[in-house]
Amino acid sequence: MVRAAEDLFYEKGYHATSIIDITNEADIALGTFYIYFKDKYSLYKYLLLSYSHEIRKAIAVDIKPSHTRFEAEKIGLKAFLHFIRKNKHVYNIIWESLYIDKTLFVDYYESFADRYAQALKKAQGEGEVVNVDPVILSYLLMGVSNFIGLKYVMFDEDNEEEFDTVVDKVMEILRAGMFLHTK
């Protein structure tokens, strides 16, 4: 049922998908839907929460053997890109939440950023990351990941550029900074 809803939300969008569509696609009785979910909105919230957990888990598993925050960021970006390539529908469903209920969208990213900022603050305490606001830094890095993902997974679907190359370029910019010495 959840996968049927996911497919339909991706194909038709939230508002164009009905509970009847979901139960028909899942080949279950309408009453079965209500055993698990109060309404379509609660199912949608469940999907967003599951995406948040799945993305964090995919990244956490891959970065576990890393020894530095730099290495963790590099591996994490690559893990995120691979996750999104396998699950392109996630972008559509997460971003559509902004138009369904802005609170869903805000909560999704605030929760992600809060956990990210905690890890960055720890790395700051260990002298691995510059002493800047960890919340701003978490959003900066999330923005980089999101938009690199949009470019190399969604916009250039046929682009087979190896993620290693893209990630290396991103990490070089993060390591070196983007500004030359200015007067």
N, C-alpha and C. Protein backbone atom coordinates (compact mmCIF):
# COMPACT_ATOMS: atom_id res chain seq x y z
N MET A 1 0.82 -1.19 0.00
CA MET A 1 0.00 0.00 0.00
C MET A 1 0.87 1.26 0.00
N VAL A 2 1.90 1.26 0.83
CA VAL A 2 2.79 2.43 0.90
C VAL A 2 3.51 2.62 -0.43
N ARG A 3 3.99 1.52 -1.02
CA ARG A 3 4.68 1.63 -2.31
C ARG A 3 3.72 2.08 -3.41
N ALA A 4 2.50 1.62 -3.35
CA ALA A 4 1.50 2.06 -4.34
C ALA A 4 1.27 3.56 -4.21
N ALA A 5 1.14 4.04 -2.99
CA ALA A 5 0.95 5.48 -2.76
C ALA A 5 2.16 6.26 -3.26
N GLU A 6 3.33 5.75 -2.96
CA GLU A 6 4.57 6.39 -3.40
C GLU A 6 4.60 6.52 -4.93
N ASP A 7 4.29 5.44 -5.61
CA ASP A 7 4.28 5.46 -7.08
C ASP A 7 3.26 6.47 -7.62
N LEU A 8 2.09 6.47 -7.02
CA LEU A 8 1.04 7.38 -7.49
C LEU A 8 1.36 8.84 -7.17
N PHE A 9 1.89 9.10 -5.98
CA PHE A 9 2.27 10.48 -5.64
C PHE A 9 3.35 10.97 -6.61
N TYR A 10 4.25 10.09 -6.98
CA TYR A 10 5.31 10.45 -7.92
C TYR A 10 4.74 10.71 -9.31
N GLU A 11 3.86 9.84 -9.77
CA GLU A 11 3.30 9.96 -11.12
C GLU A 11 2.26 11.07 -11.25
N LYS A 12 1.35 11.14 -10.29
CA LYS A 12 0.20 12.04 -10.41
C LYS A 12 0.25 13.24 -9.47
N GLY A 13 1.06 13.15 -8.43
CA GLY A 13 1.07 14.18 -7.41
C GLY A 13 0.10 13.85 -6.29
N TYR A 14 0.29 14.50 -5.17
CA TYR A 14 -0.52 14.25 -3.98
C TYR A 14 -1.99 14.57 -4.22
N HIS A 15 -2.27 15.76 -4.70
CA HIS A 15 -3.65 16.21 -4.83
C HIS A 15 -4.44 15.42 -5.87
N ALA A 16 -3.79 14.92 -6.89
CA ALA A 16 -4.48 14.16 -7.94
C ALA A 16 -4.64 12.68 -7.60
N THR A 17 -4.07 12.27 -6.47
CA THR A 17 -4.15 10.88 -6.05
C THR A 17 -5.19 10.74 -4.94
N SER A 18 -6.08 9.79 -5.11
CA SER A 18 -7.10 9.56 -4.08
C SER A 18 -6.77 8.28 -3.30
N ILE A 19 -7.43 8.13 -2.18
CA ILE A 19 -7.25 6.90 -1.40
C ILE A 19 -7.73 5.70 -2.22
N ILE A 20 -8.79 5.87 -2.97
CA ILE A 20 -9.29 4.80 -3.85
C ILE A 20 -8.21 4.42 -4.87
N ASP A 21 -7.53 5.42 -5.44
CA ASP A 21 -6.44 5.13 -6.38
C ASP A 21 -5.38 4.27 -5.70
N ILE A 22 -5.04 4.64 -4.47
CA ILE A 22 -3.99 3.92 -3.73
C ILE A 22 -4.43 2.48 -3.46
N THR A 23 -5.64 2.30 -2.97
CA THR A 23 -6.09 0.94 -2.65
C THR A 23 -6.27 0.09 -3.91
N ASN A 24 -6.71 0.71 -4.99
CA ASN A 24 -6.82 -0.04 -6.25
C ASN A 24 -5.44 -0.46 -6.75
N GLU A 25 -4.49 0.46 -6.70
CA GLU A 25 -3.12 0.16 -7.14
C GLU A 25 -2.49 -0.93 -6.27
N ALA A 26 -2.78 -0.88 -4.98
CA ALA A 26 -2.22 -1.87 -4.04
C ALA A 26 -3.02 -3.17 -4.02
N ASP A 27 -4.16 -3.16 -4.71
CA ASP A 27 -5.05 -4.32 -4.76
C ASP A 27 -5.48 -4.76 -3.35
N ILE A 28 -5.94 -3.77 -2.59
CA ILE A 28 -6.45 -4.04 -1.24
C ILE A 28 -7.82 -3.37 -1.10
N ALA A 29 -8.56 -3.81 -0.11
CA ALA A 29 -9.87 -3.21 0.16
C ALA A 29 -9.68 -1.83 0.78
N LEU A 30 -10.63 -0.96 0.54
CA LEU A 30 -10.58 0.40 1.07
C LEU A 30 -10.43 0.40 2.59
N GLY A 31 -11.15 -0.46 3.27
CA GLY A 31 -11.08 -0.52 4.73
C GLY A 31 -9.70 -0.84 5.25
N THR A 32 -8.93 -1.60 4.48
CA THR A 32 -7.57 -1.94 4.88
C THR A 32 -6.71 -0.69 5.02
N PHE A 33 -6.94 0.27 4.14
CA PHE A 33 -6.18 1.52 4.22
C PHE A 33 -6.34 2.14 5.60
N TYR A 34 -7.58 2.17 6.09
CA TYR A 34 -7.88 2.86 7.34
C TYR A 34 -7.43 2.09 8.58
N ILE A 35 -7.03 0.86 8.42
CA ILE A 35 -6.41 0.13 9.53
C ILE A 35 -5.05 0.74 9.84
N TYR A 36 -4.36 1.21 8.79
CA TYR A 36 -3.00 1.70 8.95
C TYR A 36 -2.88 3.22 8.99
N PHE A 37 -3.76 3.91 8.28
CA PHE A 37 -3.66 5.37 8.18
C PHE A 37 -5.02 6.02 8.35
N LYS A 38 -5.00 7.17 9.03
CA LYS A 38 -6.24 7.92 9.26
C LYS A 38 -6.76 8.53 7.97
N ASP A 39 -5.81 9.00 7.13
CA ASP A 39 -6.18 9.67 5.89
C ASP A 39 -4.96 9.71 4.97
N LYS A 40 -5.13 10.27 3.81
CA LYS A 40 -4.04 10.36 2.82
C LYS A 40 -2.88 11.20 3.38
N TYR A 41 -3.20 12.24 4.10
CA TYR A 41 -2.19 13.13 4.68
C TYR A 41 -1.27 12.37 5.64
N SER A 42 -1.85 11.52 6.49
CA SER A 42 -1.03 10.77 7.45
C SER A 42 -0.12 9.78 6.72
N LEU A 43 -0.59 9.22 5.62
CA LEU A 43 0.26 8.35 4.80
C LEU A 43 1.41 9.15 4.20
N TYR A 44 1.12 10.35 3.74
CA TYR A 44 2.15 11.21 3.16
C TYR A 44 3.20 11.57 4.21
N LYS A 45 2.75 11.91 5.41
CA LYS A 45 3.68 12.21 6.51
C LYS A 45 4.57 11.01 6.81
N TYR A 46 3.96 9.83 6.78
CA TYR A 46 4.72 8.61 7.00
C TYR A 46 5.82 8.45 5.95
N LEU A 47 5.49 8.72 4.70
CA LEU A 47 6.49 8.63 3.63
C LEU A 47 7.65 9.60 3.87
N LEU A 48 7.34 10.84 4.23
CA LEU A 48 8.40 11.82 4.48
C LEU A 48 9.31 11.36 5.62
N LEU A 49 8.72 10.88 6.69
CA LEU A 49 9.50 10.40 7.82
C LEU A 49 10.37 9.22 7.42
N SER A 50 9.80 8.31 6.63
CA SER A 50 10.58 7.14 6.20
C SER A 50 11.72 7.56 5.28
N TYR A 51 11.51 8.55 4.42
CA TYR A 51 12.60 9.03 3.56
C TYR A 51 13.72 9.62 4.39
N SER A 52 13.35 10.40 5.38
CA SER A 52 14.36 11.00 6.25
C SER A 52 15.22 9.91 6.89
N HIS A 53 14.56 8.87 7.41
CA HIS A 53 15.29 7.76 8.04
C HIS A 53 16.13 6.99 7.02
N GLU A 54 15.56 6.71 5.86
CA GLU A 54 16.28 5.94 4.84
C GLU A 54 17.51 6.69 4.33
N ILE A 55 17.38 7.98 4.10
CA ILE A 55 18.52 8.77 3.62
C ILE A 55 19.60 8.81 4.69
N ARG A 56 19.21 9.12 5.92
CA ARG A 56 20.20 9.19 7.01
C ARG A 56 20.88 7.84 7.22
N LYS A 57 20.10 6.77 7.14
CA LYS A 57 20.67 5.43 7.32
C LYS A 57 21.66 5.11 6.20
N ALA A 58 21.28 5.39 4.96
CA ALA A 58 22.17 5.12 3.82
C ALA A 58 23.49 5.87 3.98
N ILE A 59 23.40 7.11 4.41
CA ILE A 59 24.62 7.91 4.61
C ILE A 59 25.41 7.39 5.80
N ALA A 60 24.74 7.12 6.92
CA ALA A 60 25.42 6.67 8.14
C ALA A 60 26.18 5.37 7.93
N VAL A 61 25.58 4.44 7.21
CA VAL A 61 26.24 3.16 6.94
C VAL A 61 27.53 3.39 6.16
N ASP A 62 27.47 4.24 5.15
CA ASP A 62 28.65 4.47 4.31
C ASP A 62 29.73 5.28 5.02
N ILE A 63 29.35 6.23 5.87
CA ILE A 63 30.38 7.07 6.50
C ILE A 63 30.96 6.46 7.77
N LYS A 64 30.37 5.39 8.25
CA LYS A 64 30.84 4.79 9.51
C LYS A 64 32.35 4.53 9.53
N PRO A 65 32.94 3.99 8.48
CA PRO A 65 34.39 3.74 8.54
C PRO A 65 35.27 4.99 8.35
N SER A 66 34.68 6.14 8.10
CA SER A 66 35.50 7.34 7.85
C SER A 66 36.22 7.78 9.13
N HIS A 67 37.38 8.40 8.93
CA HIS A 67 38.21 8.82 10.07
C HIS A 67 38.18 10.31 10.31
N THR A 68 37.75 11.08 9.33
CA THR A 68 37.72 12.54 9.47
C THR A 68 36.36 13.06 9.01
N ARG A 69 36.05 14.29 9.42
CA ARG A 69 34.79 14.90 8.98
C ARG A 69 34.83 15.15 7.48
N PHE A 70 35.99 15.54 6.96
CA PHE A 70 36.12 15.75 5.52
C PHE A 70 35.78 14.47 4.77
N GLU A 71 36.36 13.38 5.22
CA GLU A 71 36.10 12.08 4.59
C GLU A 71 34.61 11.71 4.73
N ALA A 72 34.03 11.98 5.88
CA ALA A 72 32.61 11.68 6.09
C ALA A 72 31.72 12.50 5.16
N GLU A 73 32.07 13.78 4.97
CA GLU A 73 31.29 14.62 4.06
C GLU A 73 31.39 14.11 2.63
N LYS A 74 32.58 13.72 2.23
CA LYS A 74 32.80 13.22 0.87
C LYS A 74 32.01 11.93 0.63
N ILE A 75 32.15 11.00 1.54
CA ILE A 75 31.45 9.72 1.42
C ILE A 75 29.94 9.94 1.53
N GLY A 76 29.54 10.83 2.43
CA GLY A 76 28.11 11.11 2.62
C GLY A 76 27.46 11.71 1.40
N LEU A 77 28.16 12.63 0.73
CA LEU A 77 27.62 13.22 -0.50
C LEU A 77 27.44 12.14 -1.56
N LYS A 78 28.43 11.31 -1.70
CA LYS A 78 28.35 10.24 -2.70
C LYS A 78 27.21 9.27 -2.36
N ALA A 79 27.07 8.93 -1.08
CA ALA A 79 25.98 8.04 -0.66
C ALA A 79 24.62 8.66 -0.95
N PHE A 80 24.50 9.97 -0.69
CA PHE A 80 23.25 10.67 -0.97
C PHE A 80 22.92 10.62 -2.46
N LEU A 81 23.91 10.89 -3.30
CA LEU A 81 23.69 10.88 -4.75
C LEU A 81 23.26 9.49 -5.23
N HIS A 82 23.90 8.46 -4.71
CA HIS A 82 23.51 7.10 -5.10
C HIS A 82 22.09 6.77 -4.61
N PHE A 83 21.76 7.20 -3.40
CA PHE A 83 20.41 6.97 -2.88
C PHE A 83 19.38 7.63 -3.78
N ILE A 84 19.63 8.88 -4.14
CA ILE A 84 18.69 9.63 -4.96
C ILE A 84 18.59 9.02 -6.37
N ARG A 85 19.71 8.57 -6.90
CA ARG A 85 19.66 7.94 -8.23
C ARG A 85 18.75 6.71 -8.21
N LYS A 86 18.80 5.94 -7.14
CA LYS A 86 17.97 4.74 -7.03
C LYS A 86 16.52 5.08 -6.65
N ASN A 87 16.32 6.26 -6.08
CA ASN A 87 15.01 6.63 -5.54
C ASN A 87 14.62 8.04 -5.98
N LYS A 88 14.58 8.27 -7.28
CA LYS A 88 14.33 9.62 -7.81
C LYS A 88 13.00 10.20 -7.33
N HIS A 89 12.05 9.35 -7.10
CA HIS A 89 10.73 9.81 -6.64
C HIS A 89 10.81 10.57 -5.32
N VAL A 90 11.84 10.32 -4.54
CA VAL A 90 11.98 10.97 -3.23
C VAL A 90 12.02 12.49 -3.37
N TYR A 91 12.78 12.99 -4.35
CA TYR A 91 12.83 14.44 -4.56
C TYR A 91 11.43 15.00 -4.79
N ASN A 92 10.70 14.41 -5.72
CA ASN A 92 9.37 14.91 -6.05
C ASN A 92 8.47 14.95 -4.83
N ILE A 93 8.46 13.86 -4.10
CA ILE A 93 7.54 13.75 -2.97
C ILE A 93 7.94 14.70 -1.84
N ILE A 94 9.23 14.79 -1.54
CA ILE A 94 9.67 15.72 -0.49
C ILE A 94 9.36 17.15 -0.88
N TRP A 95 9.72 17.55 -2.08
CA TRP A 95 9.54 18.94 -2.49
C TRP A 95 8.06 19.29 -2.68
N GLU A 96 7.25 18.32 -3.07
CA GLU A 96 5.82 18.60 -3.19
C GLU A 96 5.21 18.91 -1.83
N SER A 97 5.82 18.40 -0.77
CA SER A 97 5.28 18.66 0.57
C SER A 97 5.21 20.16 0.88
N LEU A 98 6.05 20.95 0.26
CA LEU A 98 6.01 22.40 0.45
C LEU A 98 4.65 22.96 0.05
N TYR A 99 4.02 22.37 -0.94
CA TYR A 99 2.74 22.86 -1.45
C TYR A 99 1.55 22.17 -0.80
N ILE A 100 1.80 21.08 -0.13
CA ILE A 100 0.73 20.35 0.55
C ILE A 100 0.53 20.96 1.94
N ASP A 101 1.64 21.09 2.65
CA ASP A 101 1.63 21.69 3.99
C ASP A 101 3.05 22.14 4.27
N LYS A 102 3.26 23.43 4.25
CA LYS A 102 4.61 23.98 4.42
C LYS A 102 5.28 23.44 5.69
N THR A 103 4.49 23.19 6.71
CA THR A 103 5.04 22.67 7.96
C THR A 103 5.74 21.33 7.74
N LEU A 104 5.18 20.48 6.89
CA LEU A 104 5.82 19.20 6.59
C LEU A 104 7.21 19.41 6.00
N PHE A 105 7.29 20.32 5.05
CA PHE A 105 8.55 20.62 4.37
C PHE A 105 9.56 21.18 5.36
N VAL A 106 9.12 22.15 6.15
CA VAL A 106 10.00 22.79 7.14
C VAL A 106 10.47 21.76 8.16
N ASP A 107 9.55 20.96 8.70
CA ASP A 107 9.92 19.96 9.70
C ASP A 107 10.91 18.94 9.13
N TYR A 108 10.70 18.54 7.88
CA TYR A 108 11.60 17.58 7.25
C TYR A 108 13.04 18.12 7.26
N TYR A 109 13.21 19.34 6.76
CA TYR A 109 14.55 19.91 6.66
C TYR A 109 15.11 20.37 8.00
N GLU A 110 14.26 20.87 8.89
CA GLU A 110 14.74 21.29 10.21
C GLU A 110 15.27 20.09 10.99
N SER A 111 14.56 18.99 10.93
CA SER A 111 14.99 17.77 11.62
C SER A 111 16.32 17.29 11.06
N PHE A 112 16.43 17.27 9.75
CA PHE A 112 17.67 16.84 9.10
C PHE A 112 18.82 17.78 9.49
N ALA A 113 18.57 19.08 9.43
CA ALA A 113 19.60 20.07 9.73
C ALA A 113 20.03 20.00 11.19
N ASP A 114 19.09 19.76 12.09
CA ASP A 114 19.42 19.69 13.51
C ASP A 114 20.42 18.56 13.79
N ARG A 115 20.15 17.40 13.24
CA ARG A 115 21.06 16.26 13.43
C ARG A 115 22.42 16.53 12.78
N TYR A 116 22.37 17.13 11.61
CA TYR A 116 23.60 17.45 10.87
C TYR A 116 24.43 18.46 11.66
N ALA A 117 23.78 19.49 12.19
CA ALA A 117 24.47 20.53 12.95
C ALA A 117 25.14 19.94 14.19
N GLN A 118 24.50 18.97 14.83
CA GLN A 118 25.10 18.33 16.00
C GLN A 118 26.42 17.64 15.62
N ALA A 119 26.41 16.94 14.50
CA ALA A 119 27.63 16.26 14.05
C ALA A 119 28.71 17.27 13.67
N LEU A 120 28.31 18.36 13.05
CA LEU A 120 29.28 19.40 12.67
C LEU A 120 29.86 20.08 13.91
N LYS A 121 29.02 20.31 14.90
CA LYS A 121 29.49 20.93 16.15
C LYS A 121 30.52 20.03 16.83
N LYS A 122 30.27 18.74 16.81
CA LYS A 122 31.23 17.78 17.37
C LYS A 122 32.56 17.88 16.62
N ALA A 123 32.49 17.93 15.30
CA ALA A 123 33.70 18.05 14.48
C ALA A 123 34.41 19.37 14.75
N GLN A 124 33.66 20.42 15.03
CA GLN A 124 34.27 21.70 15.40
C GLN A 124 35.03 21.55 16.71
N GLY A 125 34.44 20.87 17.66
CA GLY A 125 35.08 20.65 18.95
C GLY A 125 36.36 19.84 18.83
N GLU A 126 36.44 19.03 17.79
CA GLU A 126 37.63 18.21 17.55
C GLU A 126 38.63 18.90 16.64
N GLY A 127 38.33 20.15 16.28
CA GLY A 127 39.25 20.94 15.46
C GLY A 127 39.28 20.57 13.99
N GLU A 128 38.22 19.91 13.50
CA GLU A 128 38.20 19.49 12.09
C GLU A 128 37.45 20.45 11.18
N VAL A 129 36.58 21.26 11.76
CA VAL A 129 35.73 22.15 10.98
C VAL A 129 35.87 23.56 11.56
N VAL A 130 35.89 24.55 10.67
CA VAL A 130 36.03 25.94 11.12
C VAL A 130 34.90 26.31 12.08
N ASN A 131 35.18 27.26 12.93
CA ASN A 131 34.23 27.68 13.95
C ASN A 131 33.24 28.69 13.38
N VAL A 132 32.22 28.17 12.72
CA VAL A 132 31.13 28.99 12.19
C VAL A 132 29.83 28.40 12.74
N ASP A 133 28.75 29.10 12.55
CA ASP A 133 27.46 28.63 13.04
C ASP A 133 27.15 27.26 12.42
N PRO A 134 27.04 26.21 13.23
CA PRO A 134 26.82 24.87 12.68
C PRO A 134 25.46 24.70 11.98
N VAL A 135 24.47 25.49 12.38
CA VAL A 135 23.17 25.40 11.71
C VAL A 135 23.28 25.95 10.29
N ILE A 136 23.93 27.11 10.16
CA ILE A 136 24.13 27.69 8.82
C ILE A 136 24.97 26.74 7.98
N LEU A 137 26.01 26.18 8.57
CA LEU A 137 26.86 25.24 7.84
C LEU A 137 26.08 24.00 7.41
N SER A 138 25.21 23.50 8.28
CA SER A 138 24.42 22.32 7.91
C SER A 138 23.52 22.63 6.72
N TYR A 139 22.89 23.80 6.72
CA TYR A 139 22.03 24.16 5.58
C TYR A 139 22.85 24.40 4.31
N LEU A 140 24.03 24.97 4.46
CA LEU A 140 24.89 25.17 3.30
C LEU A 140 25.23 23.82 2.68
N LEU A 141 25.64 22.87 3.50
CA LEU A 141 26.02 21.55 2.98
C LEU A 141 24.81 20.78 2.45
N MET A 142 23.67 20.91 3.10
CA MET A 142 22.45 20.27 2.59
C MET A 142 22.07 20.88 1.25
N GLY A 143 22.23 22.18 1.12
CA GLY A 143 21.93 22.84 -0.15
C GLY A 143 22.84 22.35 -1.26
N VAL A 144 24.11 22.22 -0.96
CA VAL A 144 25.06 21.70 -1.94
C VAL A 144 24.62 20.30 -2.37
N SER A 145 24.36 19.44 -1.42
CA SER A 145 23.95 18.06 -1.73
C SER A 145 22.67 18.02 -2.55
N ASN A 146 21.68 18.79 -2.12
CA ASN A 146 20.40 18.80 -2.83
C ASN A 146 20.54 19.26 -4.26
N PHE A 147 21.27 20.34 -4.47
CA PHE A 147 21.34 20.89 -5.82
C PHE A 147 22.33 20.16 -6.71
N ILE A 148 23.37 19.59 -6.14
CA ILE A 148 24.24 18.70 -6.93
C ILE A 148 23.41 17.47 -7.34
N GLY A 149 22.59 16.98 -6.43
CA GLY A 149 21.70 15.87 -6.75
C GLY A 149 20.72 16.21 -7.86
N LEU A 150 20.13 17.40 -7.77
CA LEU A 150 19.21 17.81 -8.84
C LEU A 150 19.92 17.85 -10.18
N LYS A 151 21.10 18.44 -10.21
CA LYS A 151 21.85 18.58 -11.46
C LYS A 151 22.25 17.22 -12.04
N TYR A 152 22.90 16.39 -11.23
CA TYR A 152 23.51 15.18 -11.77
C TYR A 152 22.64 13.93 -11.70
N VAL A 153 21.49 14.02 -11.04
CA VAL A 153 20.58 12.88 -11.02
C VAL A 153 19.28 13.20 -11.75
N MET A 154 18.72 14.37 -11.51
CA MET A 154 17.41 14.69 -12.07
C MET A 154 17.48 15.42 -13.41
N PHE A 155 18.29 16.47 -13.49
CA PHE A 155 18.34 17.27 -14.73
C PHE A 155 19.08 16.54 -15.83
N ASP A 156 20.18 15.91 -15.49
CA ASP A 156 21.01 15.21 -16.47
C ASP A 156 20.84 13.71 -16.29
N GLU A 157 19.63 13.23 -16.43
CA GLU A 157 19.34 11.82 -16.20
C GLU A 157 20.21 10.90 -17.05
N ASP A 158 20.51 11.35 -18.26
CA ASP A 158 21.31 10.52 -19.16
C ASP A 158 22.80 10.74 -18.97
N ASN A 159 23.16 11.71 -18.13
CA ASN A 159 24.57 12.00 -17.89
C ASN A 159 25.16 10.90 -17.02
N GLU A 160 26.10 10.20 -17.55
CA GLU A 160 26.72 9.11 -16.82
C GLU A 160 28.01 9.55 -16.13
N GLU A 161 28.16 10.88 -15.98
CA GLU A 161 29.37 11.35 -15.29
C GLU A 161 29.47 10.65 -13.94
N GLU A 162 30.62 10.12 -13.70
CA GLU A 162 30.85 9.37 -12.48
C GLU A 162 30.72 10.29 -11.27
N PHE A 163 29.97 9.82 -10.28
CA PHE A 163 29.80 10.61 -9.06
C PHE A 163 31.13 10.92 -8.39
N ASP A 164 32.10 10.03 -8.51
CA ASP A 164 33.40 10.29 -7.90
C ASP A 164 33.98 11.61 -8.37
N THR A 165 33.88 11.87 -9.66
CA THR A 165 34.42 13.11 -10.24
C THR A 165 33.68 14.32 -9.70
N VAL A 166 32.37 14.25 -9.70
CA VAL A 166 31.55 15.37 -9.20
C VAL A 166 31.84 15.61 -7.72
N VAL A 167 31.85 14.55 -6.94
CA VAL A 167 32.10 14.68 -5.50
C VAL A 167 33.49 15.23 -5.24
N ASP A 168 34.49 14.77 -5.99
CA ASP A 168 35.85 15.31 -5.83
C ASP A 168 35.88 16.81 -6.10
N LYS A 169 35.16 17.25 -7.12
CA LYS A 169 35.13 18.69 -7.44
C LYS A 169 34.44 19.49 -6.34
N VAL A 170 33.34 18.97 -5.83
CA VAL A 170 32.64 19.64 -4.73
C VAL A 170 33.55 19.73 -3.51
N MET A 171 34.20 18.64 -3.18
CA MET A 171 35.05 18.62 -1.99
C MET A 171 36.26 19.54 -2.14
N GLU A 172 36.77 19.66 -3.34
CA GLU A 172 37.88 20.59 -3.57
C GLU A 172 37.43 22.03 -3.31
N ILE A 173 36.24 22.36 -3.76
CA ILE A 173 35.71 23.71 -3.50
C ILE A 173 35.53 23.92 -2.00
N LEU A 174 34.98 22.92 -1.31
CA LEU A 174 34.79 23.05 0.14
C LEU A 174 36.13 23.17 0.86
N ARG A 175 37.12 22.42 0.43
CA ARG A 175 38.43 22.46 1.08
C ARG A 175 39.13 23.79 0.82
N ALA A 176 39.12 24.25 -0.42
CA ALA A 176 39.89 25.44 -0.80
C ALA A 176 39.12 26.74 -0.56
N GLY A 177 37.81 26.66 -0.54
CA GLY A 177 37.01 27.88 -0.49
C GLY A 177 36.82 28.40 -1.90
N MET A 178 35.90 29.31 -2.08
CA MET A 178 35.63 29.78 -3.43
C MET A 178 36.18 31.15 -3.73
N PHE A 179 36.67 31.83 -2.72
CA PHE A 179 37.14 33.19 -2.94
C PHE A 179 38.66 33.26 -2.94
N LEU A 180 39.16 34.05 -3.86
CA LEU A 180 40.59 34.34 -3.87
C LEU A 180 40.83 35.42 -2.83
N HIS A 181 42.06 35.62 -2.48
CA HIS A 181 42.37 36.69 -1.52
C HIS A 181 41.93 38.01 -2.13
N THR A 182 41.08 38.71 -1.43
CA THR A 182 40.57 39.98 -1.95
C THR A 182 41.11 41.12 -1.11
N LYS A 183 41.10 42.29 -1.72
CA LYS A 183 41.62 43.48 -1.03
C LYS A 183 40.61 44.05 -0.08
